Amino acid sequence: MRMDPRQKLFTALLVLSAGFAGCGQHPGQNNAAGLDPEKRLSRSVPPGYRAYNLPLDPSQLVALSPGDRIDLLVDFKRAKQVATILQNVLVSRVVQPSEGRVGTATLLLNPNELQYVALVVRQGSRVWVLIKASGDNEMKPMEGLGFRKLFKQQ
């Protein structure tokens, strides 16, 4: 499914607002007062990438650590299909849930990957984080799987 330019703009705005919603700051506000510039997240984001705080269930966050590489598996409920939408994503930071605070994994994504994640989050699809073995940076061709395909008669 191709997105027209208006859908792309809406998705980009959604991603921008979701990122700011997670940090309690709005565009134009400066909360850097009192923060060590060396500890700011923006210093650890490589050129061409964006840091995105993905809200996750506590059961998925408990095993995650900064530096882990993950794949993202998504349950597209309406289509009755699951698919790996991203592979080999770097986890930059993990924030465990606390009272009144949702747990998040900060992922380093390029702008295209960010659009995929924003669309999934917007649709309310369930996301599973799959931790890769240390040193496993291989990307594999993947295709979605649904019940029809799973139980297809050969």
Protein backbone atom coordinates (compact mmCIF):
# COMPACT_ATOMS: atom_id res chain seq x y z
CA MET A 1 0.00 0.00 0.00
CA ARG A 2 1.47 3.34 -1.07
CA MET A 3 0.92 6.47 0.96
CA ASP A 4 0.05 9.74 -0.73
CA PRO A 5 2.00 12.87 0.32
CA ARG A 6 -0.75 13.97 2.76
CA GLN A 7 -0.58 10.61 4.55
CA LYS A 8 3.22 10.86 4.75
CA LEU A 9 2.99 14.35 6.23
CA PHE A 10 0.38 13.21 8.76
CA THR A 11 2.58 10.26 9.74
CA ALA A 12 5.62 12.51 10.16
CA LEU A 13 3.65 14.91 12.35
CA LEU A 14 2.33 12.00 14.37
CA VAL A 15 5.86 10.71 14.95
CA LEU A 16 7.04 14.15 15.98
CA SER A 17 4.20 14.60 18.45
CA ALA A 18 4.62 11.08 19.84
CA GLY A 19 8.31 11.68 20.47
CA PHE A 20 7.61 14.89 22.36
CA ALA A 21 4.71 13.35 24.28
CA GLY A 22 7.10 10.78 25.72
CA CYS A 23 9.51 13.34 27.11
CA GLY A 24 7.04 15.88 28.50
CA GLN A 25 8.43 18.66 26.33
CA HIS A 26 7.00 20.58 23.39
CA PRO A 27 8.81 21.97 20.36
CA GLY A 28 10.50 25.24 21.20
CA GLN A 29 10.78 24.53 24.92
CA ASN A 30 14.27 24.26 26.31
CA ASN A 31 14.59 21.83 29.18
CA ALA A 32 18.36 21.58 28.82
CA ALA A 33 18.97 23.92 31.76
CA GLY A 34 20.90 21.98 34.35
CA LEU A 35 21.58 18.99 32.08
CA ASP A 36 25.14 18.05 31.25
CA PRO A 37 25.40 18.54 27.44
CA GLU A 38 27.50 15.36 27.26
CA LYS A 39 24.59 13.31 28.68
CA ARG A 40 21.90 14.54 26.30
CA LEU A 41 20.35 11.84 24.15
CA SER A 42 20.91 13.87 20.99
CA ARG A 43 24.67 13.44 21.44
CA SER A 44 24.35 9.67 21.03
CA VAL A 45 22.14 9.72 17.91
CA PRO A 46 24.18 9.02 14.77
CA PRO A 47 23.73 11.37 11.78
CA GLY A 48 20.75 10.34 9.67
CA TYR A 49 18.98 8.60 12.56
CA ARG A 50 16.28 9.56 15.03
CA ALA A 51 15.71 8.43 18.62
CA TYR A 52 12.16 7.13 19.15
CA ASN A 53 10.68 6.11 22.49
CA LEU A 54 8.59 3.00 21.84
CA PRO A 55 6.18 2.25 24.69
CA LEU A 56 6.41 -1.43 25.60
CA ASP A 57 4.87 -3.89 28.01
CA PRO A 58 7.00 -4.40 31.16
CA SER A 59 7.47 -8.08 30.28
CA GLN A 60 9.31 -7.05 27.12
CA LEU A 61 11.41 -4.34 28.77
CA VAL A 62 12.81 -6.53 31.55
CA ALA A 63 15.20 -8.38 29.22
CA LEU A 64 16.26 -5.36 27.11
CA SER A 65 19.51 -3.48 27.61
CA PRO A 66 21.08 -0.51 25.83
CA GLY A 67 23.21 -1.80 22.98
CA ASP A 68 20.92 -4.75 22.19
CA ARG A 69 19.92 -5.36 18.59
CA ILE A 70 16.27 -6.27 18.05
CA ASP A 71 13.72 -7.20 15.41
CA LEU A 72 10.17 -5.83 15.61
CA LEU A 73 7.33 -8.27 15.00
CA VAL A 74 3.86 -6.75 14.59
CA ASP A 75 0.38 -8.24 14.90
CA PHE A 76 -1.86 -6.64 12.28
CA LYS A 77 -5.17 -7.65 13.85
CA ARG A 78 -7.47 -6.45 11.09
CA ALA A 79 -5.51 -8.35 8.46
CA LYS A 80 -5.09 -11.36 10.78
CA GLN A 81 -1.42 -11.36 9.96
CA VAL A 82 1.93 -10.97 11.70
CA ALA A 83 5.06 -9.56 10.11
CA THR A 84 8.60 -8.59 11.01
CA ILE A 85 8.66 -4.94 10.00
CA LEU A 86 12.20 -4.04 11.11
CA GLN A 87 15.38 -6.01 11.71
CA ASN A 88 18.62 -5.26 13.52
CA VAL A 89 17.40 -2.10 15.30
CA LEU A 90 19.73 -0.67 17.94
CA VAL A 91 18.32 -0.06 21.44
CA SER A 92 19.80 3.15 22.81
CA ARG A 93 18.08 3.35 26.19
CA VAL A 94 15.57 1.40 28.30
CA VAL A 95 13.27 3.05 30.83
CA GLN A 96 11.47 0.65 33.13
CA PRO A 97 7.89 1.54 34.04
CA SER A 98 7.29 3.21 37.36
CA GLU A 99 4.29 4.69 39.12
CA GLY A 100 2.53 6.93 36.61
CA ARG A 101 5.15 6.34 33.93
CA VAL A 102 5.05 4.02 30.93
CA GLY A 103 8.15 1.98 30.18
CA THR A 104 9.91 2.66 26.88
CA ALA A 105 12.74 1.45 24.73
CA THR A 106 14.55 4.20 22.85
CA LEU A 107 15.28 2.93 19.35
CA LEU A 108 17.65 4.45 16.81
CA LEU A 109 15.79 4.50 13.49
CA ASN A 110 16.30 6.07 10.10
CA PRO A 111 13.40 8.21 8.83
CA ASN A 112 11.89 5.38 6.74
CA GLU A 113 11.97 2.94 9.67
CA LEU A 114 10.42 5.60 11.86
CA GLN A 115 7.44 5.85 9.49
CA TYR A 116 6.85 2.10 9.76
CA VAL A 117 6.90 2.21 13.56
CA ALA A 118 4.68 5.31 13.67
CA LEU A 119 2.11 3.64 11.45
CA VAL A 120 2.07 0.51 13.61
CA VAL A 121 1.76 2.51 16.84
CA ARG A 122 -0.97 4.67 15.30
CA GLN A 123 -2.98 1.60 14.31
CA GLY A 124 -2.73 0.22 17.83
CA SER A 125 -1.09 -2.97 16.62
CA ARG A 126 0.69 -5.18 19.16
CA VAL A 127 4.48 -5.03 18.86
CA TRP A 128 6.85 -7.76 20.01
CA VAL A 129 10.52 -7.03 20.57
CA LEU A 130 12.75 -9.94 19.58
CA ILE A 131 16.26 -9.71 20.99
CA LYS A 132 18.98 -10.87 18.60
CA ALA A 133 22.04 -12.83 19.63
CA SER A 134 25.10 -10.73 20.34
CA GLY A 135 27.04 -10.22 17.11
CA ASP A 136 24.11 -11.34 14.89
CA ASN A 137 23.72 -8.40 12.52
CA GLU A 138 22.42 -10.44 9.58
CA MET A 139 19.24 -9.32 7.84
CA LYS A 140 16.96 -12.04 6.50
CA PRO A 141 14.28 -11.76 3.83
CA MET A 142 10.93 -11.93 5.63
CA GLU A 143 7.32 -12.03 4.59
CA GLY A 144 4.19 -11.69 6.66
CA LEU A 145 2.27 -14.72 7.87
CA GLY A 146 -1.47 -15.08 8.27
CA PHE A 147 -3.77 -17.96 9.11
CA ARG A 148 -4.61 -18.57 5.44
CA LYS A 149 -0.96 -18.92 4.53
CA LEU A 150 -0.14 -20.97 7.63
CA PHE A 151 -2.87 -23.52 6.96
CA LYS A 152 -2.76 -23.38 3.15
CA GLN A 153 -3.25 -26.78 1.53
CA GLN A 154 -0.21 -27.83 -0.49
